[in-house]
Amino acid sequence: MPAIPPLLVVEDDNIVRMLLVDVLNELGYEVTEAQDGEEALKLIEDPQQPFSLMLTDVGLPGMNGQELARLTRELRPLLPILFASGYGSTMEVPQGMHVIGKPFTIDQLRDKMKGILG
């Protein structure tokens, strides 16, 4: 896999975030973590920090994943955004954004990532 900028994983549940990071590392991706929308936004606001994709939980405390995505779009209009949602494919997302239903398998996540990042 060619070197790509890290993925940004935004998940408030420490165990889920740790598992996601481990799985994504196993799939060959470098990962930067954030535990909530505010922390993620600080990373996104840093022009020196490149990202290839943001994977965010929808149900975050404070700023939810959809609000984070809206603010992210203003700062980085081309950054692909993948929502992880318990509502699965019934969740409507803006163009250029994607959704994966929770719970998902490693294979589903791998295939989704390949579909988005090529």
PDB file of N, CA and C in Angstrom:
ATOM      1  N   MET A   1       0.850  -1.181   0.000  1.00  0.00           N
ATOM      2  CA  MET A   1       0.000   0.000   0.000  1.00  0.00           C
ATOM      3  C   MET A   1       0.894   1.241   0.000  1.00  0.00           C
ATOM      4  N   PRO A   2       0.675   2.161  -0.962  1.00  0.00           N
ATOM      5  CA  PRO A   2       1.482   3.377  -0.967  1.00  0.00           C
ATOM      6  C   PRO A   2       1.222   4.202   0.281  1.00  0.00           C
ATOM      7  N   ALA A   3       2.233   4.969   0.666  1.00  0.00           N
ATOM      8  CA  ALA A   3       2.085   5.787   1.869  1.00  0.00           C
ATOM      9  C   ALA A   3       1.019   6.856   1.626  1.00  0.00           C
ATOM     10  N   ILE A   4       0.042   6.874   2.497  1.00  0.00           N
ATOM     11  CA  ILE A   4      -0.997   7.908   2.441  1.00  0.00           C
ATOM     12  C   ILE A   4      -0.998   8.620   3.781  1.00  0.00           C
ATOM     13  N   PRO A   5      -1.526   9.854   3.807  1.00  0.00           N
ATOM     14  CA  PRO A   5      -1.605  10.542   5.105  1.00  0.00           C
ATOM     15  C   PRO A   5      -2.436   9.724   6.092  1.00  0.00           C
ATOM     16  N   PRO A   6      -2.254   9.976   7.378  1.00  0.00           N
ATOM     17  CA  PRO A   6      -2.999   9.204   8.376  1.00  0.00           C
ATOM     18  C   PRO A   6      -4.509   9.427   8.295  1.00  0.00           C
ATOM     19  N   LEU A   7      -5.216   8.461   8.839  1.00  0.00           N
ATOM     20  CA  LEU A   7      -6.655   8.570   9.020  1.00  0.00           C
ATOM     21  C   LEU A   7      -6.884   9.241  10.356  1.00  0.00           C
ATOM     22  N   LEU A   8      -7.955   9.995  10.474  1.00  0.00           N
ATOM     23  CA  LEU A   8      -8.351  10.574  11.757  1.00  0.00           C
ATOM     24  C   LEU A   8      -9.554   9.786  12.253  1.00  0.00           C
ATOM     25  N   VAL A   9      -9.397   9.127  13.409  1.00  0.00           N
ATOM     26  CA  VAL A   9     -10.479   8.358  14.013  1.00  0.00           C
ATOM     27  C   VAL A   9     -11.009   9.133  15.212  1.00  0.00           C
ATOM     28  N   VAL A  10     -12.312   9.436  15.175  1.00  0.00           N
ATOM     29  CA  VAL A  10     -12.959  10.198  16.245  1.00  0.00           C
ATOM     30  C   VAL A  10     -13.999   9.294  16.890  1.00  0.00           C
ATOM     31  N   GLU A  11     -13.729   8.893  18.133  1.00  0.00           N
ATOM     32  CA  GLU A  11     -14.601   7.951  18.859  1.00  0.00           C
ATOM     33  C   GLU A  11     -14.447   8.224  20.349  1.00  0.00           C
ATOM     34  N   ASP A  12     -15.569   8.429  21.042  1.00  0.00           N
ATOM     35  CA  ASP A  12     -15.506   8.765  22.467  1.00  0.00           C
ATOM     36  C   ASP A  12     -15.314   7.548  23.360  1.00  0.00           C
ATOM     37  N   ASP A  13     -15.674   6.364  22.898  1.00  0.00           N
ATOM     38  CA  ASP A  13     -15.510   5.151  23.698  1.00  0.00           C
ATOM     39  C   ASP A  13     -14.069   4.668  23.543  1.00  0.00           C
ATOM     40  N   ASN A  14     -13.301   4.708  24.643  1.00  0.00           N
ATOM     41  CA  ASN A  14     -11.879   4.380  24.590  1.00  0.00           C
ATOM     42  C   ASN A  14     -11.608   2.986  24.034  1.00  0.00           C
ATOM     43  N   ILE A  15     -12.398   2.003  24.435  1.00  0.00           N
ATOM     44  CA  ILE A  15     -12.181   0.629  23.984  1.00  0.00           C
ATOM     45  C   ILE A  15     -12.477   0.504  22.495  1.00  0.00           C
ATOM     46  N   VAL A  16     -13.583   1.085  22.051  1.00  0.00           N
ATOM     47  CA  VAL A  16     -13.935   1.038  20.629  1.00  0.00           C
ATOM     48  C   VAL A  16     -12.862   1.750  19.808  1.00  0.00           C
ATOM     49  N   ARG A  17     -12.419   2.918  20.278  1.00  0.00           N
ATOM     50  CA  ARG A  17     -11.378   3.666  19.566  1.00  0.00           C
ATOM     51  C   ARG A  17     -10.095   2.852  19.471  1.00  0.00           C
ATOM     52  N   MET A  18      -9.700   2.219  20.572  1.00  0.00           N
ATOM     53  CA  MET A  18      -8.488   1.406  20.585  1.00  0.00           C
ATOM     54  C   MET A  18      -8.600   0.248  19.588  1.00  0.00           C
ATOM     55  N   LEU A  19      -9.762  -0.409  19.566  1.00  0.00           N
ATOM     56  CA  LEU A  19      -9.974  -1.506  18.626  1.00  0.00           C
ATOM     57  C   LEU A  19      -9.933  -1.024  17.179  1.00  0.00           C
ATOM     58  N   LEU A  20     -10.581   0.104  16.902  1.00  0.00           N
ATOM     59  CA  LEU A  20     -10.563   0.666  15.551  1.00  0.00           C
ATOM     60  C   LEU A  20      -9.139   0.982  15.105  1.00  0.00           C
ATOM     61  N   VAL A  21      -8.380   1.611  15.980  1.00  0.00           N
ATOM     62  CA  VAL A  21      -6.994   1.961  15.652  1.00  0.00           C
ATOM     63  C   VAL A  21      -6.191   0.696  15.372  1.00  0.00           C
ATOM     64  N   ASP A  22      -6.352  -0.323  16.214  1.00  0.00           N
ATOM     65  CA  ASP A  22      -5.633  -1.582  16.015  1.00  0.00           C
ATOM     66  C   ASP A  22      -5.989  -2.214  14.672  1.00  0.00           C
ATOM     67  N   VAL A  23      -7.274  -2.270  14.368  1.00  0.00           N
ATOM     68  CA  VAL A  23      -7.726  -2.876  13.108  1.00  0.00           C
ATOM     69  C   VAL A  23      -7.190  -2.087  11.920  1.00  0.00           C
ATOM     70  N   LEU A  24      -7.292  -0.761  11.971  1.00  0.00           N
ATOM     71  CA  LEU A  24      -6.814   0.061  10.865  1.00  0.00           C
ATOM     72  C   LEU A  24      -5.300  -0.049  10.697  1.00  0.00           C
ATOM     73  N   ASN A  25      -4.570  -0.135  11.807  1.00  0.00           N
ATOM     74  CA  ASN A  25      -3.123  -0.358  11.730  1.00  0.00           C
ATOM     75  C   ASN A  25      -2.827  -1.707  11.063  1.00  0.00           C
ATOM     76  N   GLU A  26      -3.587  -2.739  11.443  1.00  0.00           N
ATOM     77  CA  GLU A  26      -3.417  -4.069  10.838  1.00  0.00           C
ATOM     78  C   GLU A  26      -3.686  -4.024   9.336  1.00  0.00           C
ATOM     79  N   LEU A  27      -4.611  -3.158   8.926  1.00  0.00           N
ATOM     80  CA  LEU A  27      -4.941  -3.022   7.507  1.00  0.00           C
ATOM     81  C   LEU A  27      -3.918  -2.144   6.766  1.00  0.00           C
ATOM     82  N   GLY A  28      -2.934  -1.628   7.501  1.00  0.00           N
ATOM     83  CA  GLY A  28      -1.854  -0.871   6.884  1.00  0.00           C
ATOM     84  C   GLY A  28      -1.991   0.639   6.930  1.00  0.00           C
ATOM     85  N   TYR A  29      -2.967   1.128   7.690  1.00  0.00           N
ATOM     86  CA  TYR A  29      -3.169   2.578   7.771  1.00  0.00           C
ATOM     87  C   TYR A  29      -2.505   3.154   9.012  1.00  0.00           C
ATOM     88  N   GLU A  30      -1.959   4.355   8.865  1.00  0.00           N
ATOM     89  CA  GLU A  30      -1.496   5.129  10.017  1.00  0.00           C
ATOM     90  C   GLU A  30      -2.716   5.869  10.544  1.00  0.00           C
ATOM     91  N   VAL A  31      -2.818   5.993  11.869  1.00  0.00           N
ATOM     92  CA  VAL A  31      -4.026   6.567  12.468  1.00  0.00           C
ATOM     93  C   VAL A  31      -3.666   7.633  13.498  1.00  0.00           C
ATOM     94  N   THR A  32      -4.406   8.737  13.454  1.00  0.00           N
ATOM     95  CA  THR A  32      -4.378   9.751  14.505  1.00  0.00           C
ATOM     96  C   THR A  32      -5.729   9.659  15.203  1.00  0.00           C
ATOM     97  N   GLU A  33      -5.731   9.733  16.530  1.00  0.00           N
ATOM     98  CA  GLU A  33      -6.959   9.554  17.312  1.00  0.00           C
ATOM     99  C   GLU A  33      -7.436  10.860  17.925  1.00  0.00           C
ATOM    100  N   ALA A  34      -8.761  10.949  18.075  1.00  0.00           N
ATOM    101  CA  ALA A  34      -9.378  12.037  18.834  1.00  0.00           C
ATOM    102  C   ALA A  34     -10.551  11.430  19.594  1.00  0.00           C
ATOM    103  N   GLN A  35     -10.752  11.878  20.834  1.00  0.00           N
ATOM    104  CA  GLN A  35     -11.822  11.290  21.651  1.00  0.00           C
ATOM    105  C   GLN A  35     -13.139  12.038  21.560  1.00  0.00           C
ATOM    106  N   ASP A  36     -13.127  13.220  20.921  1.00  0.00           N
ATOM    107  CA  ASP A  36     -14.382  13.953  20.744  1.00  0.00           C
ATOM    108  C   ASP A  36     -14.228  14.951  19.603  1.00  0.00           C
ATOM    109  N   GLY A  37     -15.332  15.603  19.263  1.00  0.00           N
ATOM    110  CA  GLY A  37     -15.335  16.528  18.149  1.00  0.00           C
ATOM    111  C   GLY A  37     -14.408  17.712  18.334  1.00  0.00           C
ATOM    112  N   GLU A  38     -14.334  18.232  19.551  1.00  0.00           N
ATOM    113  CA  GLU A  38     -13.486  19.394  19.814  1.00  0.00           C
ATOM    114  C   GLU A  38     -12.018  19.054  19.571  1.00  0.00           C
ATOM    115  N   GLU A  39     -11.588  17.896  20.068  1.00  0.00           N
ATOM    116  CA  GLU A  39     -10.199  17.467  19.882  1.00  0.00           C
ATOM    117  C   GLU A  39      -9.921  17.248  18.387  1.00  0.00           C
ATOM    118  N   ALA A  40     -10.869  16.637  17.688  1.00  0.00           N
ATOM    119  CA  ALA A  40     -10.710  16.393  16.254  1.00  0.00           C
ATOM    120  C   ALA A  40     -10.607  17.704  15.486  1.00  0.00           C
ATOM    121  N   LEU A  41     -11.448  18.658  15.835  1.00  0.00           N
ATOM    122  CA  LEU A  41     -11.454  19.942  15.137  1.00  0.00           C
ATOM    123  C   LEU A  41     -10.118  20.665  15.291  1.00  0.00           C
ATOM    124  N   LYS A  42      -9.500  20.573  16.459  1.00  0.00           N
ATOM    125  CA  LYS A  42      -8.182  21.189  16.661  1.00  0.00           C
ATOM    126  C   LYS A  42      -7.162  20.584  15.705  1.00  0.00           C
ATOM    127  N   LEU A  43      -7.229  19.268  15.519  1.00  0.00           N
ATOM    128  CA  LEU A  43      -6.311  18.601  14.584  1.00  0.00           C
ATOM    129  C   LEU A  43      -6.592  19.026  13.146  1.00  0.00           C
ATOM    130  N   ILE A  44      -7.866  19.139  12.808  1.00  0.00           N
ATOM    131  CA  ILE A  44      -8.264  19.501  11.443  1.00  0.00           C
ATOM    132  C   ILE A  44      -7.890  20.944  11.133  1.00  0.00           C
ATOM    133  N   GLU A  45      -7.931  21.805  12.153  1.00  0.00           N
ATOM    134  CA  GLU A  45      -7.587  23.214  11.959  1.00  0.00           C
ATOM    135  C   GLU A  45      -6.094  23.423  11.696  1.00  0.00           C
ATOM    136  N   ASP A  46      -5.263  22.413  12.005  1.00  0.00           N
ATOM    137  CA  ASP A  46      -3.816  22.519  11.816  1.00  0.00           C
ATOM    138  C   ASP A  46      -3.463  22.196  10.365  1.00  0.00           C
ATOM    139  N   PRO A  47      -3.080  23.207   9.571  1.00  0.00           N
ATOM    140  CA  PRO A  47      -2.795  22.962   8.152  1.00  0.00           C
ATOM    141  C   PRO A  47      -1.564  22.072   7.941  1.00  0.00           C
ATOM    142  N   GLN A  48      -0.733  21.935   8.961  1.00  0.00           N
ATOM    143  CA  GLN A  48       0.460  21.084   8.854  1.00  0.00           C
ATOM    144  C   GLN A  48       0.132  19.608   9.054  1.00  0.00           C
ATOM    145  N   GLN A  49      -1.095  19.307   9.471  1.00  0.00           N
ATOM    146  CA  GLN A  49      -1.503  17.929   9.760  1.00  0.00           C
ATOM    147  C   GLN A  49      -2.360  17.398   8.606  1.00  0.00           C
ATOM    148  N   PRO A  50      -1.767  16.578   7.729  1.00  0.00           N
ATOM    149  CA  PRO A  50      -2.579  16.036   6.631  1.00  0.00           C
ATOM    150  C   PRO A  50      -3.391  14.823   7.099  1.00  0.00           C
ATOM    151  N   PHE A  51      -4.552  14.648   6.491  1.00  0.00           N
ATOM    152  CA  PHE A  51      -5.371  13.455   6.730  1.00  0.00           C
ATOM    153  C   PHE A  51      -5.896  12.964   5.388  1.00  0.00           C
ATOM    154  N   SER A  52      -6.032  11.650   5.264  1.00  0.00           N
ATOM    155  CA  SER A  52      -6.591  11.087   4.037  1.00  0.00           C
ATOM    156  C   SER A  52      -8.086  10.827   4.176  1.00  0.00           C
ATOM    157  N   LEU A  53      -8.567  10.715   5.440  1.00  0.00           N
ATOM    158  CA  LEU A  53      -9.976  10.422   5.696  1.00  0.00           C
ATOM    159  C   LEU A  53     -10.259  10.632   7.176  1.00  0.00           C
ATOM    160  N   MET A  54     -11.486  11.037   7.491  1.00  0.00           N
ATOM    161  CA  MET A  54     -11.917  11.102   8.885  1.00  0.00           C
ATOM    162  C   MET A  54     -13.016  10.067   9.089  1.00  0.00           C
ATOM    163  N   LEU A  55     -12.799   9.187  10.040  1.00  0.00           N
ATOM    164  CA  LEU A  55     -13.802   8.194  10.454  1.00  0.00           C
ATOM    165  C   LEU A  55     -14.325   8.665  11.801  1.00  0.00           C
ATOM    166  N   THR A  56     -15.606   9.013  11.857  1.00  0.00           N
ATOM    167  CA  THR A  56     -16.162   9.539  13.095  1.00  0.00           C
ATOM    168  C   THR A  56     -17.428   8.810  13.510  1.00  0.00           C
ATOM    169  N   ASP A  57     -17.549   8.623  14.808  1.00  0.00           N
ATOM    170  CA  ASP A  57     -18.792   8.135  15.387  1.00  0.00           C
ATOM    171  C   ASP A  57     -19.818   9.259  15.215  1.00  0.00           C
ATOM    172  N   VAL A  58     -21.064   8.894  15.075  1.00  0.00           N
ATOM    173  CA  VAL A  58     -22.117   9.915  14.969  1.00  0.00           C
ATOM    174  C   VAL A  58     -22.450  10.445  16.358  1.00  0.00           C
ATOM    175  N   GLY A  59     -22.603   9.543  17.325  1.00  0.00           N
ATOM    176  CA  GLY A  59     -23.025   9.916  18.667  1.00  0.00           C
ATOM    177  C   GLY A  59     -21.875  10.286  19.577  1.00  0.00           C
ATOM    178  N   LEU A  60     -21.308  11.452  19.353  1.00  0.00           N
ATOM    179  CA  LEU A  60     -20.231  11.956  20.210  1.00  0.00           C
ATOM    180  C   LEU A  60     -20.817  12.893  21.261  1.00  0.00           C
ATOM    181  N   PRO A  61     -20.195  12.967  22.440  1.00  0.00           N
ATOM    182  CA  PRO A  61     -20.667  13.937  23.438  1.00  0.00           C
ATOM    183  C   PRO A  61     -20.329  15.358  22.990  1.00  0.00           C
ATOM    184  N   GLY A  62     -21.156  16.302  23.352  1.00  0.00           N
ATOM    185  CA  GLY A  62     -20.915  17.685  22.934  1.00  0.00           C
ATOM    186  C   GLY A  62     -21.234  17.825  21.459  1.00  0.00           C
ATOM    187  N   MET A  63     -20.220  18.135  20.678  1.00  0.00           N
ATOM    188  CA  MET A  63     -20.381  18.262  19.227  1.00  0.00           C
ATOM    189  C   MET A  63     -20.535  16.868  18.624  1.00  0.00           C
ATOM    190  N   ASN A  64     -21.686  16.591  17.998  1.00  0.00           N
ATOM    191  CA  ASN A  64     -21.868  15.255  17.434  1.00  0.00           C
ATOM    192  C   ASN A  64     -21.111  15.114  16.114  1.00  0.00           C
ATOM    193  N   GLY A  65     -21.069  13.898  15.596  1.00  0.00           N
ATOM    194  CA  GLY A  65     -20.307  13.612  14.389  1.00  0.00           C
ATOM    195  C   GLY A  65     -20.769  14.388  13.172  1.00  0.00           C
ATOM    196  N   GLN A  66     -22.069  14.639  13.069  1.00  0.00           N
ATOM    197  CA  GLN A  66     -22.572  15.385  11.918  1.00  0.00           C
ATOM    198  C   GLN A  66     -22.160  16.856  11.974  1.00  0.00           C
ATOM    199  N   GLU A  67     -22.190  17.436  13.155  1.00  0.00           N
ATOM    200  CA  GLU A  67     -21.730  18.819  13.323  1.00  0.00           C
ATOM    201  C   GLU A  67     -20.228  18.906  13.037  1.00  0.00           C
ATOM    202  N   LEU A  68     -19.472  17.936  13.544  1.00  0.00           N
ATOM    203  CA  LEU A  68     -18.034  17.882  13.275  1.00  0.00           C
ATOM    204  C   LEU A  68     -17.784  17.798  11.767  1.00  0.00           C
ATOM    205  N   ALA A  69     -18.552  16.976  11.073  1.00  0.00           N
ATOM    206  CA  ALA A  69     -18.393  16.823   9.625  1.00  0.00           C
ATOM    207  C   ALA A  69     -18.680  18.142   8.911  1.00  0.00           C
ATOM    208  N   ARG A  70     -19.719  18.851   9.343  1.00  0.00           N
ATOM    209  CA  ARG A  70     -20.067  20.131   8.719  1.00  0.00           C
ATOM    210  C   ARG A  70     -18.920  21.138   8.874  1.00  0.00           C
ATOM    211  N   LEU A  71     -18.366  21.233  10.088  1.00  0.00           N
ATOM    212  CA  LEU A  71     -17.257  22.155  10.338  1.00  0.00           C
ATOM    213  C   LEU A  71     -15.994  21.714   9.596  1.00  0.00           C
ATOM    214  N   THR A  72     -15.780  20.404   9.524  1.00  0.00           N
ATOM    215  CA  THR A  72     -14.629  19.867   8.805  1.00  0.00           C
ATOM    216  C   THR A  72     -14.719  20.215   7.325  1.00  0.00           C
ATOM    217  N   ARG A  73     -15.919  20.100   6.755  1.00  0.00           N
ATOM    218  CA  ARG A  73     -16.139  20.420   5.340  1.00  0.00           C
ATOM    219  C   ARG A  73     -15.762  21.875   5.042  1.00  0.00           C
ATOM    220  N   GLU A  74     -16.012  22.776   5.991  1.00  0.00           N
ATOM    221  CA  GLU A  74     -15.667  24.187   5.793  1.00  0.00           C
ATOM    222  C   GLU A  74     -14.153  24.373   5.725  1.00  0.00           C
ATOM    223  N   LEU A  75     -13.417  23.592   6.533  1.00  0.00           N
ATOM    224  CA  LEU A  75     -11.964  23.724   6.602  1.00  0.00           C
ATOM    225  C   LEU A  75     -11.241  22.879   5.550  1.00  0.00           C
ATOM    226  N   ARG A  76     -11.783  21.691   5.304  1.00  0.00           N
ATOM    227  CA  ARG A  76     -11.157  20.759   4.357  1.00  0.00           C
ATOM    228  C   ARG A  76     -12.245  20.165   3.460  1.00  0.00           C
ATOM    229  N   PRO A  77     -12.650  20.923   2.454  1.00  0.00           N
ATOM    230  CA  PRO A  77     -13.794  20.505   1.633  1.00  0.00           C
ATOM    231  C   PRO A  77     -13.616  19.179   0.905  1.00  0.00           C
ATOM    232  N   LEU A  78     -12.378  18.757   0.667  1.00  0.00           N
ATOM    233  CA  LEU A  78     -12.153  17.524  -0.089  1.00  0.00           C
ATOM    234  C   LEU A  78     -11.874  16.302   0.785  1.00  0.00           C
ATOM    235  N   LEU A  79     -11.799  16.493   2.097  1.00  0.00           N
ATOM    236  CA  LEU A  79     -11.486  15.357   2.984  1.00  0.00           C
ATOM    237  C   LEU A  79     -12.662  14.379   3.026  1.00  0.00           C
ATOM    238  N   PRO A  80     -12.436  13.114   2.636  1.00  0.00           N
ATOM    239  CA  PRO A  80     -13.514  12.128   2.753  1.00  0.00           C
ATOM    240  C   PRO A  80     -13.883  11.905   4.225  1.00  0.00           C
ATOM    241  N   ILE A  81     -15.177  11.765   4.476  1.00  0.00           N
ATOM    242  CA  ILE A  81     -15.673  11.547   5.834  1.00  0.00           C
ATOM    243  C   ILE A  81     -16.503  10.278   5.842  1.00  0.00           C
ATOM    244  N   LEU A  82     -16.188   9.404   6.802  1.00  0.00           N
ATOM    245  CA  LEU A  82     -16.914   8.146   6.973  1.00  0.00           C
ATOM    246  C   LEU A  82     -17.539   8.145   8.360  1.00  0.00           C
ATOM    247  N   PHE A  83     -18.870   8.068   8.407  1.00  0.00           N
ATOM    248  CA  PHE A  83     -19.582   7.985   9.671  1.00  0.00           C
ATOM    249  C   PHE A  83     -19.738   6.522  10.069  1.00  0.00           C
ATOM    250  N   ALA A  84     -19.512   6.235  11.335  1.00  0.00           N
ATOM    251  CA  ALA A  84     -19.853   4.931  11.897  1.00  0.00           C
ATOM    252  C   ALA A  84     -21.139   5.151  12.680  1.00  0.00           C
ATOM    253  N   SER A  85     -22.204   4.448  12.264  1.00  0.00           N
ATOM    254  CA  SER A  85     -23.513   4.725  12.841  1.00  0.00           C
ATOM    255  C   SER A  85     -24.277   3.462  13.170  1.00  0.00           C
ATOM    256  N   GLY A  86     -24.907   3.462  14.320  1.00  0.00           N
ATOM    257  CA  GLY A  86     -25.805   2.377  14.693  1.00  0.00           C
ATOM    258  C   GLY A  86     -27.055   2.355  13.831  1.00  0.00           C
ATOM    259  N   TYR A  87     -27.296   3.460  13.107  1.00  0.00           N
ATOM    260  CA  TYR A  87     -28.455   3.529  12.214  1.00  0.00           C
ATOM    261  C   TYR A  87     -28.145   2.946  10.843  1.00  0.00           C
ATOM    262  N   GLY A  88     -26.861   2.643  10.625  1.00  0.00           N
ATOM    263  CA  GLY A  88     -26.461   1.985   9.391  1.00  0.00           C
ATOM    264  C   GLY A  88     -26.806   2.761   8.147  1.00  0.00           C
ATOM    265  N   SER A  89     -27.238   2.032   7.142  1.00  0.00           N
ATOM    266  CA  SER A  89     -27.443   2.639   5.831  1.00  0.00           C
ATOM    267  C   SER A  89     -28.695   3.519   5.768  1.00  0.00           C
ATOM    268  N   THR A  90     -29.492   3.561   6.842  1.00  0.00           N
ATOM    269  CA  THR A  90     -30.680   4.427   6.822  1.00  0.00           C
ATOM    270  C   THR A  90     -30.313   5.884   7.087  1.00  0.00           C
ATOM    271  N   MET A  91     -29.085   6.119   7.548  1.00  0.00           N
ATOM    272  CA  MET A  91     -28.637   7.483   7.827  1.00  0.00           C
ATOM    273  C   MET A  91     -28.316   8.192   6.509  1.00  0.00           C
ATOM    274  N   GLU A  92     -28.892   9.365   6.322  1.00  0.00           N
ATOM    275  CA  GLU A  92     -28.593  10.148   5.128  1.00  0.00           C
ATOM    276  C   GLU A  92     -27.362  11.006   5.389  1.00  0.00           C
ATOM    277  N   VAL A  93     -26.448  10.997   4.425  1.00  0.00           N
ATOM    278  CA  VAL A  93     -25.227  11.789   4.564  1.00  0.00           C
ATOM    279  C   VAL A  93     -25.048  12.657   3.328  1.00  0.00           C
ATOM    280  N   PRO A  94     -24.433  13.838   3.504  1.00  0.00           N
ATOM    281  CA  PRO A  94     -24.189  14.721   2.369  1.00  0.00           C
ATOM    282  C   PRO A  94     -23.261  14.076   1.336  1.00  0.00           C
ATOM    283  N   GLN A  95     -23.281  14.609   0.133  1.00  0.00           N
ATOM    284  CA  GLN A  95     -22.417  14.118  -0.925  1.00  0.00           C
ATOM    285  C   GLN A  95     -20.963  14.191  -0.490  1.00  0.00           C
ATOM    286  N   GLY A  96     -20.190  13.175  -0.848  1.00  0.00           N
ATOM    287  CA  GLY A  96     -18.782  13.129  -0.477  1.00  0.00           C
ATOM    288  C   GLY A  96     -18.559  12.540   0.906  1.00  0.00           C
ATOM    289  N   MET A  97     -19.647  12.165   1.565  1.00  0.00           N
ATOM    290  CA  MET A  97     -19.539  11.522   2.873  1.00  0.00           C
ATOM    291  C   MET A  97     -20.120  10.121   2.757  1.00  0.00           C
ATOM    292  N   HIS A  98     -19.690   9.254   3.651  1.00  0.00           N
ATOM    293  CA  HIS A  98     -20.058   7.847   3.591  1.00  0.00           C
ATOM    294  C   HIS A  98     -20.492   7.377   4.973  1.00  0.00           C
ATOM    295  N   VAL A  99     -21.149   6.214   5.013  1.00  0.00           N
ATOM    296  CA  VAL A  99     -21.576   5.665   6.296  1.00  0.00           C
ATOM    297  C   VAL A  99     -21.330   4.163   6.311  1.00  0.00           C
ATOM    298  N   ILE A 100     -20.930   3.668   7.470  1.00  0.00           N
ATOM    299  CA  ILE A 100     -20.807   2.233   7.702  1.00  0.00           C
ATOM    300  C   ILE A 100     -21.624   1.931   8.954  1.00  0.00           C
ATOM    301  N   GLY A 101     -22.471   0.930   8.866  1.00  0.00           N
ATOM    302  CA  GLY A 101     -23.342   0.591   9.988  1.00  0.00           C
ATOM    303  C   GLY A 101     -22.620  -0.182  11.069  1.00  0.00           C
ATOM    304  N   LYS A 102     -22.887   0.187  12.312  1.00  0.00           N
ATOM    305  CA  LYS A 102     -22.353  -0.547  13.467  1.00  0.00           C
ATOM    306  C   LYS A 102     -23.360  -1.627  13.850  1.00  0.00           C
ATOM    307  N   PRO A 103     -22.922  -2.763  14.271  1.00  0.00           N
ATOM    308  CA  PRO A 103     -21.520  -3.212  14.271  1.00  0.00           C
ATOM    309  C   PRO A 103     -21.103  -3.618  12.861  1.00  0.00           C
ATOM    310  N   PHE A 104     -19.803  -3.509  12.580  1.00  0.00           N
ATOM    311  CA  PHE A 104     -19.291  -3.910  11.270  1.00  0.00           C
ATOM    312  C   PHE A 104     -18.114  -4.847  11.482  1.00  0.00           C
ATOM    313  N   THR A 105     -17.861  -5.654  10.455  1.00  0.00           N
ATOM    314  CA  THR A 105     -16.742  -6.598  10.520  1.00  0.00           C
ATOM    315  C   THR A 105     -15.472  -5.918  10.007  1.00  0.00           C
ATOM    316  N   ILE A 106     -14.355  -6.531  10.267  1.00  0.00           N
ATOM    317  CA  ILE A 106     -13.082  -6.025   9.758  1.00  0.00           C
ATOM    318  C   ILE A 106     -13.120  -6.001   8.230  1.00  0.00           C
ATOM    319  N   ASP A 107     -13.680  -7.048   7.631  1.00  0.00           N
ATOM    320  CA  ASP A 107     -13.774  -7.104   6.163  1.00  0.00           C
ATOM    321  C   ASP A 107     -14.640  -5.975   5.616  1.00  0.00           C
ATOM    322  N   GLN A 108     -15.752  -5.693   6.282  1.00  0.00           N
ATOM    323  CA  GLN A 108     -16.616  -4.595   5.833  1.00  0.00           C
ATOM    324  C   GLN A 108     -15.879  -3.262   5.922  1.00  0.00           C
ATOM    325  N   LEU A 109     -15.148  -3.069   7.015  1.00  0.00           N
ATOM    326  CA  LEU A 109     -14.390  -1.822   7.178  1.00  0.00           C
ATOM    327  C   LEU A 109     -13.297  -1.729   6.115  1.00  0.00           C
ATOM    328  N   ARG A 110     -12.570  -2.810   5.890  1.00  0.00           N
ATOM    329  CA  ARG A 110     -11.513  -2.829   4.868  1.00  0.00           C
ATOM    330  C   ARG A 110     -12.092  -2.476   3.496  1.00  0.00           C
ATOM    331  N   ASP A 111     -13.207  -3.123   3.143  1.00  0.00           N
ATOM    332  CA  ASP A 111     -13.804  -2.880   1.837  1.00  0.00           C
ATOM    333  C   ASP A 111     -14.304  -1.444   1.700  1.00  0.00           C
ATOM    334  N   LYS A 112     -14.878  -0.914   2.772  1.00  0.00           N
ATOM    335  CA  LYS A 112     -15.369   0.469   2.762  1.00  0.00           C
ATOM    336  C   LYS A 112     -14.214   1.435   2.573  1.00  0.00           C
ATOM    337  N   MET A 113     -13.120   1.211   3.297  1.00  0.00           N
ATOM    338  CA  MET A 113     -11.953   2.081   3.203  1.00  0.00           C
ATOM    339  C   MET A 113     -11.370   2.045   1.789  1.00  0.00           C
ATOM    340  N   LYS A 114     -11.259   0.842   1.223  1.00  0.00           N
ATOM    341  CA  LYS A 114     -10.732   0.721  -0.146  1.00  0.00           C
ATOM    342  C   LYS A 114     -11.642   1.419  -1.136  1.00  0.00           C
ATOM    343  N   GLY A 115     -12.946   1.320  -0.927  1.00  0.00           N
ATOM    344  CA  GLY A 115     -13.901   1.973  -1.815  1.00  0.00           C
ATOM    345  C   GLY A 115     -13.774   3.495  -1.775  1.00  0.00           C
ATOM    346  N   ILE A 116     -13.458   4.022  -0.615  1.00  0.00           N
ATOM    347  CA  ILE A 116     -13.350   5.482  -0.460  1.00  0.00           C
ATOM    348  C   ILE A 116     -11.979   5.990  -0.908  1.00  0.00           C
ATOM    349  N   LEU A 117     -10.931   5.299  -0.455  1.00  0.00           N
ATOM    350  CA  LEU A 117      -9.568   5.780  -0.705  1.00  0.00           C
ATOM    351  C   LEU A 117      -8.956   5.231  -1.987  1.00  0.00           C
ATOM    352  N   GLY A 118      -9.571   4.208  -2.559  1.00  0.00           N
ATOM    353  CA  GLY A 118      -9.060   3.637  -3.801  1.00  0.00           C
ATOM    354  C   GLY A 118      -7.993   2.590  -3.582  1.00  0.00           C
TER     355      GLY A 118
END
